[in-house]
Amino acid sequence: MKSKILPKQWVAGALLLAGAYVASAQTNASVKLIDPEVQGEVVAVLAQAPNVPPPITRKHPTKVIVNLEVREVTKRLADGVEYVFWTFGGDVPGSFIRIRAGDFVEFHLNNHQDSKMPHNIDLHAVTGPGGGAASSFTAPGHSSQFSFKALNPGLYVYHCATAPVGMHVGNGMYGLILVEPMEGLPPVDHEYYVMQGDIYTVGKNGEEGLQYFDMNKAIDERPTYVVFNGAVGSLVGDKALTAKVGERIRLFMGNGGPNLVSSFHVIGEIFDTVYPEGGSVAQHNVQTTMIPAGGAAIVEFKVEIPGTYILVDHSLFRAFNKGAIGMLKVDGPANQIVYSGKEVDAVYLGKAAAGGDSEKRVAELKAEVAAEIKGNPKIASLSKEIQMEKGRGVFMQTCFVCHQLNGEGLPGQIPPLAKSDFLAKLTNEEAIRNVLAGRTGEVIVNGKKYNGTMTPLNYLADDQIANVLTYVRNSFGNEGGVVTMEEVKRVRASTAPLAANPFE
């Protein structure tokens, strides 16, 4: 085949273009940008959620070198569920970056050699095309560098912007960068880093094993999980945030999305100050703050009362069914002027409506059905299974936050329900009283001491209490009988007080 001879001017043009490209690359690589306001040089201290780097105390801008590594890692998403996350720094959310307004940032993005995908980074704090994305496209085993000046103070999201962008973000590629104002932030006792994200898996919520990204669910905005800090339960139990009475808390709260808007709320607290959108204008005395996908907020509050405060997305099915729930545990003395706790626990039966002949006949028929069920072992067995399924639903809505999904409770605080010798000794009446009236004082469960308070759940209906107790008595390795609605009704009507410990 004859080779084509290109016109001389085409060759010359191509060489000129190639020369210009090489010269441009050499120029960009060799030029040292100097910002006259910058003094000195530091390497940024990065932190993984829920931790935050220390506040910046210097009063002048400096050159800050940021080294951030992209890693694709398999991590826990929920109990028994793993997921291949794409991460900045090895965790979800990505490493927290803290700089000061006026700083000159030299940013290094390093894509680990074991990665399967190229990645980049779009920092919302950057003024420039793509927020750095165009300058940071990095193949596996490579490193990219670009620089920017931090012009605007605020709390900003960063994320991967490699196509398909939604998939990269949905796999966990998001984090926060704080640009402190020149004068710094007011001092507080604790700063924490929390970030919400929606996750789309091929399997259903709770389906065990290694799960993969589901593009169709993501496009339809139907998340399988909505979580804080990358996993269900990442901020509960021994992973809960902590504080003491009288301390001030600052939460750097972000929302990676990729789709959902967060309605962030702390149950039992009011935000003294909120900086919406992570900006400079403050709002005060806020109950719930909206955080858009790709947005952030700074919330501050003082804790006056000891106890456990629940962090939620107040789109509540996301919290109690998909994982967007966390805890802040506060220790210290009570203040009954601010909050008394329960002062009265009286039985309220409501006003009984007068029944006609039809109602009496219905009551007679129900009694006949109950007698037939009781006399037929097969029907009774099926009835128990139905109760347990209904009880599981009550447990998941009401009890799991304290007692945990597996019934193991919280070490040293909340006694386990799983294989509980204490539970096995309780009569049905004692168990019902515990649920209706709560209990306080020391108990010994499976050889370990627990001293706390179980709050009354007397707002539950009689059948809900019967069902959840039947579920608990026959789950988590326990073997027990059925608790009936009639038993609950009878105990509720009784005014006999419950001892602190029925075995004393």
Protein backbone atom coordinates (compact mmCIF):
# COMPACT_ATOMS: atom_id res chain seq x y z
CA MET A 1 0.00 0.00 0.00
CA LYS A 2 1.40 3.45 -0.97
CA SER A 3 2.09 5.78 1.89
CA LYS A 4 0.58 9.22 1.63
CA ILE A 5 2.92 12.21 1.50
CA LEU A 6 1.59 15.07 3.59
CA PRO A 7 1.84 18.60 2.23
CA LYS A 8 4.89 20.40 3.66
CA GLN A 9 2.78 23.09 5.25
CA TRP A 10 0.73 20.45 7.14
CA VAL A 11 3.93 18.91 8.50
CA ALA A 12 5.28 22.30 9.47
CA GLY A 13 1.99 23.20 11.17
CA ALA A 14 1.93 19.95 13.10
CA LEU A 15 5.51 20.47 14.24
CA LEU A 16 4.74 24.02 15.29
CA LEU A 17 1.72 22.85 17.28
CA ALA A 18 3.72 20.07 18.90
CA GLY A 19 6.51 22.49 19.73
CA ALA A 20 4.05 24.95 21.23
CA TYR A 21 2.53 22.17 23.37
CA VAL A 22 5.92 21.00 24.62
CA ALA A 23 7.03 24.57 25.30
CA SER A 24 3.79 25.23 27.15
CA ALA A 25 4.19 22.09 29.25
CA GLN A 26 7.80 22.99 30.05
CA THR A 27 6.80 26.53 30.95
CA ASN A 28 4.01 25.40 33.30
CA ALA A 29 6.32 22.89 34.93
CA SER A 30 9.19 25.31 35.42
CA VAL A 31 7.43 28.52 36.47
CA LYS A 32 7.37 29.04 40.24
CA LEU A 33 4.30 31.07 41.15
CA ILE A 34 4.95 33.55 43.94
CA ASP A 35 2.16 35.09 45.99
CA PRO A 36 3.51 38.21 47.73
CA GLU A 37 1.07 37.76 50.66
CA VAL A 38 2.27 34.24 51.48
CA GLN A 39 4.70 33.61 54.30
CA GLY A 40 6.36 30.22 54.77
CA GLU A 41 5.15 26.74 53.89
CA VAL A 42 3.33 23.93 55.71
CA VAL A 43 2.07 20.45 54.89
CA ALA A 44 -1.66 20.18 55.59
CA VAL A 45 -2.75 17.96 58.47
CA LEU A 46 -5.66 15.84 57.22
CA ALA A 47 -8.19 14.02 59.40
CA GLN A 48 -10.66 11.18 58.91
CA ALA A 49 -14.30 11.53 60.02
CA PRO A 50 -15.54 12.18 62.61
CA ASN A 51 -12.26 13.90 63.51
CA VAL A 52 -11.21 17.38 62.39
CA PRO A 53 -7.71 18.89 62.06
CA PRO A 54 -6.86 21.41 64.80
CA PRO A 55 -7.89 25.07 64.37
CA ILE A 56 -5.48 27.35 62.54
CA THR A 57 -3.81 29.82 64.90
CA ARG A 58 -1.51 31.67 62.51
CA LYS A 59 -2.55 35.18 61.47
CA HIS A 60 -1.00 35.21 58.00
CA PRO A 61 -1.53 33.27 54.75
CA THR A 62 0.99 30.60 53.89
CA LYS A 63 1.69 28.00 51.23
CA VAL A 64 -0.15 24.80 52.15
CA ILE A 65 0.83 21.51 50.54
CA VAL A 66 -2.07 19.03 50.40
CA ASN A 67 -1.36 15.38 49.61
CA LEU A 68 -4.52 13.35 49.02
CA GLU A 69 -4.55 9.73 47.87
CA VAL A 70 -7.37 8.05 45.96
CA ARG A 71 -7.95 4.43 46.97
CA GLU A 72 -10.60 1.92 45.89
CA VAL A 73 -11.30 -0.21 48.96
CA THR A 74 -13.81 -2.82 50.11
CA LYS A 75 -15.38 -1.71 53.39
CA ARG A 76 -18.35 -2.45 55.64
CA LEU A 77 -21.59 -0.77 54.54
CA ALA A 78 -23.91 -2.47 57.05
CA ASP A 79 -23.86 -5.59 59.21
CA GLY A 80 -22.97 -8.44 56.87
CA VAL A 81 -22.83 -6.09 53.86
CA GLU A 82 -19.65 -4.99 52.12
CA TYR A 83 -19.20 -2.50 49.29
CA VAL A 84 -16.35 -1.41 47.02
CA PHE A 85 -15.98 2.27 47.88
CA TRP A 86 -13.96 4.74 45.85
CA THR A 87 -12.37 7.06 48.39
CA PHE A 88 -10.26 10.13 49.02
CA GLY A 89 -7.89 8.99 51.75
CA GLY A 90 -9.21 5.44 52.26
CA ASP A 91 -12.48 6.33 54.04
CA VAL A 92 -15.93 7.78 53.34
CA PRO A 93 -16.20 10.70 53.57
CA GLY A 94 -12.79 11.78 52.32
CA SER A 95 -10.13 13.37 54.50
CA PHE A 96 -11.09 16.70 56.09
CA ILE A 97 -8.91 19.52 54.72
CA ARG A 98 -8.45 22.70 56.79
CA ILE A 99 -6.86 25.87 55.39
CA ARG A 100 -7.16 29.64 55.92
CA ALA A 101 -8.51 32.36 53.67
CA GLY A 102 -5.62 33.79 51.67
CA ASP A 103 -3.59 30.57 51.71
CA PHE A 104 -1.87 29.42 48.52
CA VAL A 105 -2.55 25.68 48.15
CA GLU A 106 -0.33 23.29 46.23
CA PHE A 107 -2.57 20.27 45.70
CA HIS A 108 -1.25 16.77 44.93
CA LEU A 109 -3.77 14.11 43.91
CA ASN A 110 -2.28 10.61 43.96
CA ASN A 111 -4.21 7.69 42.44
CA HIS A 112 -3.10 4.40 44.02
CA GLN A 113 -1.58 1.88 41.62
CA ASP A 114 -4.19 -0.74 42.59
CA SER A 115 -7.07 1.47 41.45
CA LYS A 116 -9.11 0.31 38.48
CA MET A 117 -10.37 3.75 37.46
CA PRO A 118 -8.95 7.19 36.72
CA HIS A 119 -10.16 9.90 39.12
CA ASN A 120 -9.92 13.64 39.66
CA ILE A 121 -11.13 16.21 42.19
CA ASP A 122 -13.50 19.17 42.06
CA LEU A 123 -13.11 21.36 45.15
CA HIS A 124 -15.97 23.83 45.55
CA ALA A 125 -13.50 26.09 47.36
CA VAL A 126 -11.50 26.59 44.16
CA THR A 127 -12.07 29.56 41.87
CA GLY A 128 -11.18 28.15 38.44
CA PRO A 129 -12.59 25.85 35.72
CA GLY A 130 -13.94 22.63 37.15
CA GLY A 131 -12.77 23.48 40.65
CA GLY A 132 -9.52 21.73 39.82
CA ALA A 133 -11.11 18.81 37.98
CA ALA A 134 -9.60 19.70 34.60
CA SER A 135 -6.11 19.85 36.13
CA SER A 136 -6.29 16.73 38.27
CA PHE A 137 -7.45 13.89 35.98
CA THR A 138 -5.20 11.10 37.24
CA ALA A 139 -4.76 7.55 35.97
CA PRO A 140 -4.05 4.65 38.37
CA GLY A 141 -0.47 4.77 39.58
CA HIS A 142 -0.08 8.45 38.67
CA SER A 143 0.00 11.77 40.50
CA SER A 144 -1.28 15.20 39.44
CA GLN A 145 -0.52 18.66 40.82
CA PHE A 146 -2.22 22.05 40.59
CA SER A 147 -2.38 25.17 42.74
CA PHE A 148 -5.04 27.64 43.84
CA LYS A 149 -5.51 30.57 46.17
CA ALA A 150 -8.22 30.28 48.83
CA LEU A 151 -10.22 33.44 48.12
CA ASN A 152 -13.49 32.79 49.99
CA PRO A 153 -13.91 31.58 53.58
CA GLY A 154 -16.51 28.88 54.17
CA LEU A 155 -17.15 25.14 54.42
CA TYR A 156 -17.05 23.52 50.99
CA VAL A 157 -17.67 20.09 49.49
CA TYR A 158 -15.14 18.40 47.27
CA HIS A 159 -15.85 15.38 45.08
CA CYS A 160 -14.68 13.40 42.08
CA ALA A 161 -15.83 14.80 38.74
CA THR A 162 -14.76 11.99 36.42
CA ALA A 163 -17.54 10.63 34.19
CA PRO A 164 -19.95 9.23 35.10
CA VAL A 165 -19.77 11.83 37.86
CA GLY A 166 -22.81 10.56 39.78
CA MET A 167 -21.34 7.06 39.98
CA HIS A 168 -18.00 8.29 41.34
CA VAL A 169 -19.76 10.42 43.96
CA GLY A 170 -22.26 7.64 44.75
CA ASN A 171 -19.35 5.30 45.43
CA GLY A 172 -18.12 7.59 48.20
CA MET A 173 -15.88 10.15 46.50
CA TYR A 174 -16.76 13.26 48.51
CA GLY A 175 -15.44 15.20 51.48
CA LEU A 176 -15.16 18.66 53.06
CA ILE A 177 -12.59 21.45 52.89
CA LEU A 178 -12.83 24.25 55.45
CA VAL A 179 -11.45 27.66 54.52
CA GLU A 180 -11.28 29.43 57.87
CA PRO A 181 -11.86 33.18 57.89
CA MET A 182 -8.71 35.24 58.46
CA GLU A 183 -9.73 35.94 62.07
CA GLY A 184 -10.44 32.23 62.70
CA LEU A 185 -13.57 30.60 64.15
CA PRO A 186 -14.82 31.17 67.73
CA PRO A 187 -13.41 28.53 70.10
CA VAL A 188 -15.58 25.52 71.03
CA ASP A 189 -14.97 22.40 73.11
CA HIS A 190 -15.50 19.82 70.35
CA GLU A 191 -15.46 19.89 66.56
CA TYR A 192 -16.78 16.89 64.63
CA TYR A 193 -16.99 15.97 60.94
CA VAL A 194 -20.19 14.31 59.71
CA MET A 195 -21.21 13.82 56.09
CA GLN A 196 -24.35 12.25 54.63
CA GLY A 197 -24.48 10.23 51.43
CA ASP A 198 -26.99 8.10 49.52
CA ILE A 199 -25.84 4.67 48.32
CA TYR A 200 -27.35 2.55 45.56
CA THR A 201 -26.74 -1.20 45.71
CA VAL A 202 -27.94 -3.98 43.45
CA GLY A 203 -29.22 -5.92 46.48
CA LYS A 204 -31.98 -4.83 48.82
CA ASN A 205 -31.34 -3.02 52.09
CA GLY A 206 -29.70 -5.49 54.46
CA GLU A 207 -28.99 -8.11 51.79
CA GLU A 208 -25.72 -9.66 52.91
CA GLY A 209 -22.53 -10.15 50.94
CA LEU A 210 -20.52 -7.93 48.62
CA GLN A 211 -22.76 -5.36 46.94
CA TYR A 212 -22.19 -3.33 43.79
CA PHE A 213 -23.40 0.02 42.47
CA ASP A 214 -26.83 0.02 40.75
CA MET A 215 -26.95 2.70 38.06
CA ASN A 216 -30.70 2.33 37.46
CA LYS A 217 -31.54 2.96 41.12
CA ALA A 218 -29.21 5.95 41.12
CA ILE A 219 -30.81 7.47 38.03
CA ASP A 220 -34.28 6.93 39.55
CA GLU A 221 -33.03 8.40 42.88
CA ARG A 222 -34.06 5.31 44.87
CA PRO A 223 -31.22 4.82 47.39
CA THR A 224 -30.84 1.50 49.17
CA TYR A 225 -29.05 3.21 52.04
CA VAL A 226 -28.75 6.77 53.32
CA VAL A 227 -25.87 6.96 55.78
CA PHE A 228 -23.66 9.19 57.87
CA ASN A 229 -19.91 8.78 57.40
CA GLY A 230 -20.09 5.97 54.88
CA ALA A 231 -21.87 3.15 56.73
CA VAL A 232 -24.91 2.18 58.76
CA GLY A 233 -24.03 2.53 62.46
CA SER A 234 -20.86 4.59 61.88
CA LEU A 235 -21.83 6.98 64.70
CA VAL A 236 -23.67 4.73 67.19
CA GLY A 237 -22.66 2.70 70.23
CA ASP A 238 -18.94 2.93 70.96
CA LYS A 239 -18.51 5.02 67.79
CA ALA A 240 -20.87 7.76 69.03
CA LEU A 241 -19.73 11.36 69.32
CA THR A 242 -19.09 12.40 72.93
CA ALA A 243 -19.29 15.54 75.07
CA LYS A 244 -19.83 16.72 78.64
CA VAL A 245 -22.59 18.90 80.05
CA GLY A 246 -21.82 22.57 79.52
CA GLU A 247 -19.58 22.05 76.50
CA ARG A 248 -20.05 23.70 73.10
CA ILE A 249 -20.18 21.49 70.01
CA ARG A 250 -19.44 22.45 66.41
CA LEU A 251 -20.48 20.04 63.66
CA PHE A 252 -19.09 20.42 60.17
CA MET A 253 -21.99 18.77 58.36
CA GLY A 254 -21.81 17.98 54.65
CA ASN A 255 -23.98 16.20 52.11
CA GLY A 256 -22.18 14.34 49.35
CA GLY A 257 -25.41 13.22 47.72
CA PRO A 258 -25.29 12.44 44.87
CA ASN A 259 -29.07 13.00 44.84
CA LEU A 260 -30.86 13.64 48.13
CA VAL A 261 -31.28 16.83 50.15
CA SER A 262 -30.65 16.32 53.88
CA SER A 263 -32.96 17.64 56.61
CA PHE A 264 -30.38 17.58 59.39
CA HIS A 265 -31.67 17.54 62.98
CA VAL A 266 -30.37 16.58 66.42
CA ILE A 267 -33.22 15.16 68.50
CA GLY A 268 -33.40 16.99 71.83
CA GLU A 269 -31.22 19.95 70.82
CA ILE A 270 -31.69 23.33 69.16
CA PHE A 271 -28.85 24.72 67.06
CA ASP A 272 -27.73 27.96 68.71
CA THR A 273 -26.01 29.02 65.50
CA VAL A 274 -26.19 27.69 61.95
CA TYR A 275 -24.12 28.85 59.01
CA PRO A 276 -26.36 27.69 56.11
CA GLU A 277 -24.58 26.50 52.97
CA GLY A 278 -21.34 26.73 54.96
CA GLY A 279 -21.29 30.48 54.36
CA SER A 280 -20.67 33.53 56.53
CA VAL A 281 -24.23 34.60 57.42
CA ALA A 282 -25.41 33.07 60.71
CA GLN A 283 -28.91 32.00 61.74
CA HIS A 284 -29.85 31.36 65.36
CA ASN A 285 -32.19 29.02 67.26
CA VAL A 286 -32.70 26.58 64.39
CA GLN A 287 -34.38 23.19 64.76
CA THR A 288 -33.63 21.56 61.40
CA THR A 289 -31.37 22.80 58.62
CA MET A 290 -31.54 21.85 54.96
CA ILE A 291 -28.28 20.75 53.33
CA PRO A 292 -28.42 20.23 49.56
CA ALA A 293 -26.49 17.55 47.73
CA GLY A 294 -23.05 19.04 47.20
CA GLY A 295 -23.59 21.47 50.09
CA ALA A 296 -22.58 21.89 53.72
CA ALA A 297 -23.52 23.67 56.93
CA ILE A 298 -21.79 24.52 60.19
CA VAL A 299 -23.99 24.00 63.27
CA GLU A 300 -23.10 24.95 66.84
CA PHE A 301 -24.87 24.24 70.12
CA LYS A 302 -24.26 23.88 73.84
CA VAL A 303 -25.29 20.71 75.66
CA GLU A 304 -27.01 21.31 79.01
CA ILE A 305 -28.55 17.92 79.83
CA PRO A 306 -26.86 14.49 80.00
CA GLY A 307 -28.11 11.68 77.81
CA THR A 308 -27.97 10.39 74.28
CA TYR A 309 -28.92 12.77 71.49
CA ILE A 310 -29.82 11.28 68.12
CA LEU A 311 -28.54 12.79 64.87
CA VAL A 312 -30.93 12.20 61.97
CA ASP A 313 -31.96 13.16 58.51
CA HIS A 314 -35.48 14.22 59.49
CA SER A 315 -36.81 12.58 56.36
CA LEU A 316 -37.35 9.89 58.94
CA PHE A 317 -37.54 6.70 56.91
CA ARG A 318 -33.99 7.49 55.81
CA ALA A 319 -32.98 7.63 59.48
CA PHE A 320 -34.81 4.66 60.96
CA ASN A 321 -34.94 2.41 57.90
CA LYS A 322 -31.95 3.29 55.71
CA GLY A 323 -29.21 4.26 58.15
CA ALA A 324 -29.00 8.08 58.42
CA ILE A 325 -28.74 8.04 62.20
CA GLY A 326 -26.01 8.81 64.71
CA MET A 327 -25.52 9.50 68.41
CA LEU A 328 -24.02 12.19 70.61
CA LYS A 329 -23.50 10.89 74.16
CA VAL A 330 -23.34 13.59 76.82
CA ASP A 331 -22.09 12.88 80.36
CA GLY A 332 -22.50 15.10 83.41
CA PRO A 333 -24.91 16.24 86.11
CA ALA A 334 -28.63 16.63 85.46
CA ASN A 335 -30.35 20.03 85.48
CA GLN A 336 -33.99 19.54 86.41
CA ILE A 337 -34.78 23.20 85.89
CA VAL A 338 -33.93 22.86 82.20
CA TYR A 339 -35.42 19.36 81.85
CA SER A 340 -37.17 17.43 84.61
CA GLY A 341 -37.44 13.99 83.10
CA LYS A 342 -40.69 12.08 83.63
CA GLU A 343 -42.64 13.48 86.57
CA VAL A 344 -45.87 11.45 86.30
CA ASP A 345 -46.49 7.94 85.03
CA ALA A 346 -50.21 7.34 85.49
CA VAL A 347 -52.54 4.90 83.79
CA TYR A 348 -54.87 6.51 81.29
CA LEU A 349 -57.58 4.32 79.85
CA GLY A 350 -59.49 6.90 77.85
CA LYS A 351 -63.21 7.37 77.72
CA ALA A 352 -65.13 4.16 77.10
CA ALA A 353 -67.76 4.49 74.41
CA ALA A 354 -71.17 2.99 75.02
CA GLY A 355 -71.58 -0.20 73.06
CA GLY A 356 -74.71 -1.25 71.24
CA ASP A 357 -76.04 -4.70 70.45
CA SER A 358 -73.88 -4.91 67.32
CA GLU A 359 -70.70 -4.21 69.28
CA LYS A 360 -71.62 -6.82 71.87
CA ARG A 361 -72.18 -9.39 69.15
CA VAL A 362 -68.78 -8.56 67.59
CA ALA A 363 -67.15 -9.00 71.01
CA GLU A 364 -68.84 -12.42 71.37
CA LEU A 365 -67.62 -13.51 67.94
CA LYS A 366 -64.04 -12.38 68.74
CA ALA A 367 -64.19 -14.39 71.95
CA GLU A 368 -65.26 -17.48 69.97
CA VAL A 369 -62.40 -16.95 67.49
CA ALA A 370 -59.92 -16.58 70.35
CA ALA A 371 -61.19 -19.78 71.96
CA GLU A 372 -60.90 -21.66 68.66
CA ILE A 373 -57.34 -20.43 68.11
CA LYS A 374 -56.35 -21.39 71.62
CA GLY A 375 -57.78 -24.89 71.16
CA ASN A 376 -56.17 -25.49 67.75
CA PRO A 377 -52.37 -25.97 68.04
CA LYS A 378 -51.73 -25.34 64.32
CA ILE A 379 -53.62 -22.04 64.35
CA ALA A 380 -51.87 -21.05 67.57
CA SER A 381 -48.47 -21.74 65.97
CA LEU A 382 -49.31 -19.62 62.93
CA SER A 383 -50.59 -16.89 65.21
CA LYS A 384 -47.22 -16.84 67.01
CA GLU A 385 -45.36 -16.46 63.71
CA ILE A 386 -47.61 -13.58 62.69
CA GLN A 387 -47.02 -11.92 66.07
CA MET A 388 -43.28 -12.27 65.66
CA GLU A 389 -43.29 -10.68 62.22
CA LYS A 390 -45.41 -7.79 63.48
CA GLY A 391 -43.19 -7.53 66.55
CA ARG A 392 -40.07 -7.32 64.41
CA GLY A 393 -41.54 -4.24 62.75
CA VAL A 394 -42.19 -2.61 66.15
CA PHE A 395 -38.63 -3.49 67.25
CA MET A 396 -37.09 -1.93 64.12
CA GLN A 397 -39.08 1.28 64.61
CA THR A 398 -38.78 1.64 68.39
CA CYS A 399 -36.11 -0.50 70.04
CA PHE A 400 -33.15 -1.06 67.74
CA VAL A 401 -31.44 2.29 68.34
CA CYS A 402 -30.67 1.25 71.94
CA HIS A 403 -30.70 -2.54 71.80
CA GLN A 404 -29.09 -2.74 68.33
CA LEU A 405 -30.24 -4.81 65.36
CA ASN A 406 -28.66 -7.99 66.74
CA GLY A 407 -30.05 -7.47 70.26
CA GLU A 408 -26.58 -7.16 71.79
CA GLY A 409 -27.16 -3.72 73.36
CA LEU A 410 -24.32 -1.33 74.15
CA PRO A 411 -21.41 -2.57 76.29
CA GLY A 412 -21.56 -1.19 79.82
CA GLN A 413 -24.70 0.84 79.12
CA ILE A 414 -27.64 -1.04 77.67
CA PRO A 415 -28.02 -4.73 78.57
CA PRO A 416 -28.30 -7.29 75.77
CA LEU A 417 -31.53 -8.95 74.77
CA ALA A 418 -29.61 -11.68 72.94
CA LYS A 419 -29.43 -14.93 74.92
CA SER A 420 -30.42 -12.95 78.01
CA ASP A 421 -30.67 -14.93 81.25
CA PHE A 422 -32.40 -11.89 82.80
CA LEU A 423 -35.09 -11.91 80.11
CA ALA A 424 -35.55 -15.68 80.44
CA LYS A 425 -36.41 -15.31 84.16
CA LEU A 426 -39.05 -12.64 83.65
CA THR A 427 -42.68 -13.66 83.69
CA ASN A 428 -44.89 -12.23 80.98
CA GLU A 429 -46.35 -9.79 83.50
CA GLU A 430 -42.91 -8.54 84.58
CA ALA A 431 -41.80 -8.12 80.98
CA ILE A 432 -44.96 -6.18 80.13
CA ARG A 433 -44.49 -3.91 83.16
CA ASN A 434 -40.92 -3.17 82.10
CA VAL A 435 -42.15 -2.00 78.71
CA LEU A 436 -45.12 -0.02 80.05
CA ALA A 437 -43.45 1.68 83.03
CA GLY A 438 -39.76 1.52 82.19
CA ARG A 439 -37.24 0.63 84.84
CA THR A 440 -34.32 2.15 86.69
CA GLY A 441 -31.54 0.58 88.69
CA GLU A 442 -28.90 -2.08 88.51
CA VAL A 443 -29.51 -5.36 86.72
CA ILE A 444 -27.18 -8.27 86.07
CA VAL A 445 -27.46 -9.78 82.62
CA ASN A 446 -25.33 -12.72 81.56
CA GLY A 447 -23.01 -12.07 84.51
CA LYS A 448 -22.43 -8.36 83.80
CA LYS A 449 -23.79 -5.36 85.71
CA TYR A 450 -25.78 -2.61 84.01
CA ASN A 451 -27.09 0.49 85.74
CA GLY A 452 -29.26 2.72 83.63
CA THR A 453 -32.77 3.73 82.72
CA MET A 454 -35.20 2.17 80.30
CA THR A 455 -37.76 4.75 79.22
CA PRO A 456 -41.47 3.85 79.42
CA LEU A 457 -43.06 2.80 76.14
CA ASN A 458 -46.65 3.08 77.31
CA TYR A 459 -47.57 4.99 74.17
CA LEU A 460 -47.43 1.67 72.29
CA ALA A 461 -50.75 -0.08 71.73
CA ASP A 462 -51.52 -3.32 73.57
CA ASP A 463 -51.03 -5.45 70.45
CA GLN A 464 -47.72 -3.72 69.65
CA ILE A 465 -46.36 -4.51 73.11
CA ALA A 466 -47.58 -8.11 72.91
CA ASN A 467 -46.05 -8.54 69.45
CA VAL A 468 -42.66 -7.00 70.21
CA LEU A 469 -42.28 -8.99 73.44
CA THR A 470 -43.19 -12.18 71.59
CA TYR A 471 -40.58 -11.30 68.96
CA VAL A 472 -37.85 -10.57 71.51
CA ARG A 473 -38.65 -13.63 73.63
CA ASN A 474 -38.25 -15.87 70.57
CA SER A 475 -35.35 -14.14 68.79
CA PHE A 476 -31.61 -13.48 69.31
CA GLY A 477 -31.10 -16.98 70.70
CA ASN A 478 -33.99 -16.71 73.21
CA GLU A 479 -36.65 -19.37 73.61
CA GLY A 480 -39.94 -18.21 75.08
CA GLY A 481 -43.65 -18.27 74.75
CA VAL A 482 -46.32 -15.93 73.43
CA VAL A 483 -47.37 -12.67 75.08
CA THR A 484 -51.02 -11.90 74.41
CA MET A 485 -52.82 -8.60 73.99
CA GLU A 486 -55.16 -9.57 76.81
CA GLU A 487 -52.20 -9.91 79.19
CA VAL A 488 -50.96 -6.46 78.23
CA LYS A 489 -54.41 -4.97 78.69
CA ARG A 490 -54.70 -6.53 82.15
CA VAL A 491 -51.27 -5.31 83.27
CA ARG A 492 -51.89 -1.83 81.88
CA ALA A 493 -55.06 -1.59 83.96
CA SER A 494 -53.18 -2.58 87.12
CA THR A 495 -51.77 0.16 89.33
CA ALA A 496 -49.29 -2.03 91.19
CA PRO A 497 -45.84 -0.36 91.14
CA LEU A 498 -42.84 -2.13 89.64
CA ALA A 499 -39.86 -2.76 91.91
CA ALA A 500 -36.44 -1.57 90.75
CA ASN A 501 -35.42 -5.20 90.51
CA PRO A 502 -38.13 -7.90 90.57
CA PHE A 503 -35.61 -10.49 91.78
CA GLU A 504 -34.72 -8.60 94.96
